[in-house]
Amino acid sequence: MARVEVDRDRCEGHGRCEMSAPEIYRLDDDGELEILLSEVGPDQRPGAEAGVLACPVAALRLSP
């Protein structure tokens, strides 16, 4: 299992992570990021990684 983490001070709510993996990331009505799956297994890891890479402000991290 890997852990998805967000740096709330850096997150600007671009939504690129949500577009990459809506099963893991979601912006709420106020534009705040919600992590739907904070712990991801091997099946969800590619989506979690895609969201991390899509973030233009490097606010997401995936910890082993």
N, C-alpha and C. Protein backbone atom coordinates (compact mmCIF):
# COMPACT_ATOMS: atom_id res chain seq x y z
N MET A 1 0.84 -1.19 0.00
CA MET A 1 0.00 0.00 0.00
C MET A 1 0.89 1.25 0.00
N ALA A 2 0.44 2.23 -0.75
CA ALA A 2 1.11 3.53 -0.78
C ALA A 2 0.14 4.57 -0.26
N ARG A 3 0.67 5.64 0.26
CA ARG A 3 -0.16 6.69 0.86
C ARG A 3 -0.11 7.94 -0.03
N VAL A 4 -1.29 8.47 -0.33
CA VAL A 4 -1.41 9.71 -1.11
C VAL A 4 -1.52 10.86 -0.12
N GLU A 5 -0.68 11.89 -0.31
CA GLU A 5 -0.69 13.04 0.59
C GLU A 5 -0.76 14.32 -0.23
N VAL A 6 -1.42 15.32 0.33
CA VAL A 6 -1.53 16.62 -0.32
C VAL A 6 -0.97 17.71 0.60
N ASP A 7 -0.19 18.60 0.04
CA ASP A 7 0.29 19.78 0.75
C ASP A 7 -0.76 20.86 0.52
N ARG A 8 -1.61 21.08 1.49
CA ARG A 8 -2.73 22.01 1.35
C ARG A 8 -2.26 23.45 1.13
N ASP A 9 -1.08 23.78 1.61
CA ASP A 9 -0.57 25.14 1.39
C ASP A 9 -0.18 25.37 -0.07
N ARG A 10 0.17 24.30 -0.77
CA ARG A 10 0.57 24.42 -2.18
C ARG A 10 -0.58 24.21 -3.14
N CYS A 11 -1.55 23.40 -2.76
CA CYS A 11 -2.64 23.04 -3.67
C CYS A 11 -3.43 24.28 -4.06
N GLU A 12 -3.62 24.47 -5.36
CA GLU A 12 -4.36 25.62 -5.89
C GLU A 12 -5.68 25.21 -6.53
N GLY A 13 -6.03 23.93 -6.48
CA GLY A 13 -7.31 23.46 -7.00
C GLY A 13 -7.43 23.47 -8.51
N HIS A 14 -6.35 23.19 -9.20
CA HIS A 14 -6.38 23.14 -10.66
C HIS A 14 -7.28 22.03 -11.19
N GLY A 15 -7.36 20.92 -10.48
CA GLY A 15 -8.21 19.80 -10.88
C GLY A 15 -7.58 18.83 -11.85
N ARG A 16 -6.32 19.01 -12.16
CA ARG A 16 -5.67 18.08 -13.10
C ARG A 16 -5.54 16.68 -12.50
N CYS A 17 -5.36 16.60 -11.20
CA CYS A 17 -5.28 15.29 -10.56
C CYS A 17 -6.63 14.58 -10.68
N GLU A 18 -7.70 15.33 -10.48
CA GLU A 18 -9.04 14.75 -10.59
C GLU A 18 -9.31 14.24 -12.01
N MET A 19 -8.86 14.98 -13.01
CA MET A 19 -9.03 14.53 -14.39
C MET A 19 -8.22 13.27 -14.67
N SER A 20 -7.07 13.14 -14.00
CA SER A 20 -6.21 11.98 -14.20
C SER A 20 -6.72 10.73 -13.50
N ALA A 21 -7.31 10.91 -12.32
CA ALA A 21 -7.75 9.76 -11.53
C ALA A 21 -8.93 10.15 -10.64
N PRO A 22 -10.14 10.27 -11.21
CA PRO A 22 -11.29 10.69 -10.42
C PRO A 22 -11.70 9.70 -9.33
N GLU A 23 -11.21 8.49 -9.39
CA GLU A 23 -11.50 7.52 -8.34
C GLU A 23 -10.66 7.77 -7.08
N ILE A 24 -9.64 8.64 -7.21
CA ILE A 24 -8.74 8.92 -6.09
C ILE A 24 -8.84 10.37 -5.63
N TYR A 25 -8.94 11.28 -6.59
CA TYR A 25 -8.93 12.71 -6.30
C TYR A 25 -10.26 13.35 -6.70
N ARG A 26 -10.71 14.32 -5.88
CA ARG A 26 -11.93 15.05 -6.22
C ARG A 26 -11.86 16.44 -5.62
N LEU A 27 -12.27 17.42 -6.41
CA LEU A 27 -12.41 18.78 -5.89
C LEU A 27 -13.83 18.94 -5.39
N ASP A 28 -13.97 19.51 -4.19
CA ASP A 28 -15.31 19.75 -3.67
C ASP A 28 -15.88 21.03 -4.28
N ASP A 29 -17.04 21.43 -3.87
CA ASP A 29 -17.71 22.60 -4.44
C ASP A 29 -16.96 23.90 -4.20
N ASP A 30 -16.08 23.91 -3.21
CA ASP A 30 -15.28 25.10 -2.91
C ASP A 30 -13.90 25.06 -3.58
N GLY A 31 -13.64 24.02 -4.37
CA GLY A 31 -12.35 23.88 -5.03
C GLY A 31 -11.26 23.29 -4.16
N GLU A 32 -11.65 22.74 -3.02
CA GLU A 32 -10.68 22.09 -2.13
C GLU A 32 -10.53 20.63 -2.53
N LEU A 33 -9.31 20.15 -2.53
CA LEU A 33 -9.05 18.77 -2.93
C LEU A 33 -9.43 17.80 -1.82
N GLU A 34 -10.16 16.77 -2.20
CA GLU A 34 -10.47 15.65 -1.32
C GLU A 34 -9.72 14.44 -1.86
N ILE A 35 -9.05 13.72 -0.98
CA ILE A 35 -8.41 12.46 -1.35
C ILE A 35 -9.42 11.37 -1.01
N LEU A 36 -9.96 10.73 -2.03
CA LEU A 36 -10.97 9.70 -1.82
C LEU A 36 -10.35 8.39 -1.34
N LEU A 37 -9.16 8.09 -1.79
CA LEU A 37 -8.42 6.90 -1.37
C LEU A 37 -7.05 7.35 -0.88
N SER A 38 -6.89 7.49 0.41
CA SER A 38 -5.59 7.94 0.92
C SER A 38 -4.56 6.82 0.91
N GLU A 39 -5.02 5.59 0.92
CA GLU A 39 -4.13 4.43 0.82
C GLU A 39 -4.49 3.69 -0.47
N VAL A 40 -3.51 3.52 -1.34
CA VAL A 40 -3.77 2.86 -2.62
C VAL A 40 -2.95 1.59 -2.74
N GLY A 41 -3.57 0.60 -3.32
CA GLY A 41 -2.90 -0.66 -3.59
C GLY A 41 -2.32 -0.66 -5.00
N PRO A 42 -1.78 -1.77 -5.42
CA PRO A 42 -1.15 -1.86 -6.74
C PRO A 42 -2.10 -1.51 -7.89
N ASP A 43 -3.37 -1.83 -7.76
CA ASP A 43 -4.32 -1.54 -8.84
C ASP A 43 -4.59 -0.04 -8.99
N GLN A 44 -4.58 0.68 -7.89
CA GLN A 44 -4.86 2.12 -7.93
C GLN A 44 -3.60 2.97 -8.07
N ARG A 45 -2.44 2.37 -7.88
CA ARG A 45 -1.19 3.14 -7.89
C ARG A 45 -0.96 3.90 -9.21
N PRO A 46 -1.21 3.32 -10.37
CA PRO A 46 -1.00 4.10 -11.61
C PRO A 46 -1.83 5.38 -11.65
N GLY A 47 -3.07 5.33 -11.20
CA GLY A 47 -3.90 6.53 -11.16
C GLY A 47 -3.38 7.55 -10.17
N ALA A 48 -2.95 7.07 -9.00
CA ALA A 48 -2.40 7.97 -7.99
C ALA A 48 -1.14 8.65 -8.53
N GLU A 49 -0.28 7.90 -9.20
CA GLU A 49 0.94 8.47 -9.78
C GLU A 49 0.61 9.47 -10.88
N ALA A 50 -0.40 9.17 -11.69
CA ALA A 50 -0.80 10.09 -12.76
C ALA A 50 -1.25 11.42 -12.16
N GLY A 51 -1.99 11.37 -11.07
CA GLY A 51 -2.43 12.60 -10.40
C GLY A 51 -1.27 13.39 -9.85
N VAL A 52 -0.30 12.72 -9.26
CA VAL A 52 0.89 13.38 -8.72
C VAL A 52 1.64 14.09 -9.85
N LEU A 53 1.82 13.40 -10.95
CA LEU A 53 2.55 13.97 -12.08
C LEU A 53 1.79 15.10 -12.76
N ALA A 54 0.47 15.07 -12.71
CA ALA A 54 -0.35 16.10 -13.37
C ALA A 54 -0.41 17.40 -12.57
N CYS A 55 -0.09 17.36 -11.31
CA CYS A 55 -0.21 18.55 -10.47
C CYS A 55 0.82 19.60 -10.88
N PRO A 56 0.35 20.78 -11.32
CA PRO A 56 1.31 21.80 -11.79
C PRO A 56 2.07 22.51 -10.68
N VAL A 57 1.65 22.34 -9.44
CA VAL A 57 2.33 23.01 -8.32
C VAL A 57 2.99 22.02 -7.36
N ALA A 58 3.06 20.76 -7.77
CA ALA A 58 3.71 19.71 -6.98
C ALA A 58 3.17 19.62 -5.55
N ALA A 59 1.83 19.66 -5.43
CA ALA A 59 1.21 19.61 -4.12
C ALA A 59 0.90 18.20 -3.66
N LEU A 60 1.07 17.22 -4.54
CA LEU A 60 0.75 15.83 -4.20
C LEU A 60 2.00 15.00 -4.07
N ARG A 61 1.92 14.01 -3.20
CA ARG A 61 3.04 13.09 -2.99
C ARG A 61 2.50 11.70 -2.77
N LEU A 62 3.22 10.73 -3.25
CA LEU A 62 2.88 9.34 -3.04
C LEU A 62 4.02 8.71 -2.25
N SER A 63 3.72 8.27 -1.03
CA SER A 63 4.73 7.66 -0.17
C SER A 63 4.62 6.15 -0.25
N PRO A 64 5.76 5.50 -0.32
CA PRO A 64 5.73 4.03 -0.43
C PRO A 64 5.05 3.41 0.73
